[in-house]
Amino acid sequence: MGPLGRKHVELARHWLPSVMSYGTAATLAGLYFTDWKVVLQYVPFYNTKFQQ
């Protein structure tokens, strides 16, 4: 497997749900604070702000 061993794969598998959760939360926070209309216009209840 090269420089990565079985233990590294097990650790990565163990941390994957946490990394995905924090990544999703960071992405949603970024969208919220930047007010990115291209994506947020499709979010229910939040898109009423863009009805111009």
C-alpha atoms as a PDB file:
ATOM      1  CA  MET A   1       0.000   0.000   0.000  1.00  0.00           C
ATOM      2  CA  GLY A   2       2.994   2.295  -0.105  1.00  0.00           C
ATOM      3  CA  PRO A   3       3.597   4.708   2.774  1.00  0.00           C
ATOM      4  CA  LEU A   4       0.082   4.182   4.173  1.00  0.00           C
ATOM      5  CA  GLY A   5      -0.565   1.086   6.197  1.00  0.00           C
ATOM      6  CA  ARG A   6      -3.612  -0.731   7.466  1.00  0.00           C
ATOM      7  CA  LYS A   7      -3.655   1.372  10.638  1.00  0.00           C
ATOM      8  CA  HIS A   8      -3.852   4.605   8.601  1.00  0.00           C
ATOM      9  CA  VAL A   9      -6.819   3.259   6.657  1.00  0.00           C
ATOM     10  CA  GLU A  10      -8.573   2.282   9.886  1.00  0.00           C
ATOM     11  CA  LEU A  11      -7.966   5.732  11.366  1.00  0.00           C
ATOM     12  CA  ALA A  12      -9.269   7.421   8.226  1.00  0.00           C
ATOM     13  CA  ARG A  13     -12.360   5.232   8.284  1.00  0.00           C
ATOM     14  CA  HIS A  14     -12.891   6.094  11.942  1.00  0.00           C
ATOM     15  CA  TRP A  15     -12.656   9.881  11.387  1.00  0.00           C
ATOM     16  CA  LEU A  16     -14.599  10.048   8.104  1.00  0.00           C
ATOM     17  CA  PRO A  17     -18.069  10.766   9.629  1.00  0.00           C
ATOM     18  CA  SER A  18     -16.667  13.610  11.745  1.00  0.00           C
ATOM     19  CA  VAL A  19     -14.788  15.124   8.822  1.00  0.00           C
ATOM     20  CA  MET A  20     -17.898  14.955   6.639  1.00  0.00           C
ATOM     21  CA  SER A  21     -20.055  16.557   9.357  1.00  0.00           C
ATOM     22  CA  TYR A  22     -17.644  19.426   9.964  1.00  0.00           C
ATOM     23  CA  GLY A  23     -17.163  19.896   6.223  1.00  0.00           C
ATOM     24  CA  THR A  24     -20.909  20.100   5.643  1.00  0.00           C
ATOM     25  CA  ALA A  25     -21.355  22.544   8.508  1.00  0.00           C
ATOM     26  CA  ALA A  26     -18.495  24.715   7.248  1.00  0.00           C
ATOM     27  CA  THR A  27     -19.952  24.738   3.730  1.00  0.00           C
ATOM     28  CA  LEU A  28     -23.411  25.730   4.978  1.00  0.00           C
ATOM     29  CA  ALA A  29     -21.927  28.432   7.219  1.00  0.00           C
ATOM     30  CA  GLY A  30     -19.950  29.766   4.266  1.00  0.00           C
ATOM     31  CA  LEU A  31     -23.095  29.893   2.144  1.00  0.00           C
ATOM     32  CA  TYR A  32     -25.007  31.635   4.918  1.00  0.00           C
ATOM     33  CA  PHE A  33     -22.400  34.301   5.607  1.00  0.00           C
ATOM     34  CA  THR A  34     -21.588  34.995   1.949  1.00  0.00           C
ATOM     35  CA  ASP A  35     -25.283  35.006   0.968  1.00  0.00           C
ATOM     36  CA  TRP A  36     -24.511  33.188  -2.284  1.00  0.00           C
ATOM     37  CA  LYS A  37     -27.699  33.600  -4.319  1.00  0.00           C
ATOM     38  CA  VAL A  38     -26.734  31.021  -6.960  1.00  0.00           C
ATOM     39  CA  VAL A  39     -27.160  28.212  -4.428  1.00  0.00           C
ATOM     40  CA  LEU A  40     -29.421  29.693  -1.750  1.00  0.00           C
ATOM     41  CA  GLN A  41     -32.240  30.509  -4.183  1.00  0.00           C
ATOM     42  CA  TYR A  42     -33.097  26.784  -4.160  1.00  0.00           C
ATOM     43  CA  VAL A  43     -33.232  26.393  -0.355  1.00  0.00           C
ATOM     44  CA  PRO A  44     -36.851  26.322   0.883  1.00  0.00           C
ATOM     45  CA  PHE A  45     -37.920  29.059   3.321  1.00  0.00           C
ATOM     46  CA  TYR A  46     -34.627  30.902   2.821  1.00  0.00           C
ATOM     47  CA  ASN A  47     -35.228  31.725  -0.845  1.00  0.00           C
ATOM     48  CA  THR A  48     -38.129  34.116  -0.104  1.00  0.00           C
ATOM     49  CA  LYS A  49     -35.445  36.713   0.434  1.00  0.00           C
ATOM     50  CA  PHE A  50     -34.582  36.543  -3.299  1.00  0.00           C
ATOM     51  CA  GLN A  51     -38.116  36.983  -4.718  1.00  0.00           C
ATOM     52  CA  GLN A  52     -37.403  40.268  -6.516  1.00  0.00           C
END
